[in-house]
Amino acid sequence: QVQLQESGGGWVQPGGSLRLSCAASGILLSNSQLGWYRRAPGKQREFVAIFTRSGQTYYPDSVKGRFTVSRDDDKNTAYLQMNDLEPGDTATYYCNWEQYWGQGTQVTVDS
């Protein structure tokens, strides 16, 4: 049974940082391509980052240079480091593998 569990969300002021975690079970992240997505209220789900099986990473322009994905194979956990956060980054963040999604973790950027 595949499970993805996000954590690490919270409230932060503009310019602040957060690191989200995605703990996986039932799959090996070292053999998997994991995506990060977000959904803000009233908006469509947006792609945020991808960490491929080979370790390549891709980001949309909206977060490039501010967000970084990584992976700890020993912990079977993926991370999304988010720096220089902006109010527009406020959303629920999800990790995804194939058809499986975590429950999401809320990020709020507000002064």
Foldseek 3Di string as FASTA:
>chain_A
DKAWAKDWADEAAQQAKIKMKIQIDPDQVLQFKKWKWWDDPPGDIGTAKIQGNVGDMDGDPVQPPFWDKDADRVRSMIMIIGGRDDQVVFTWMWMDTDPDIHPTDTHGYHD
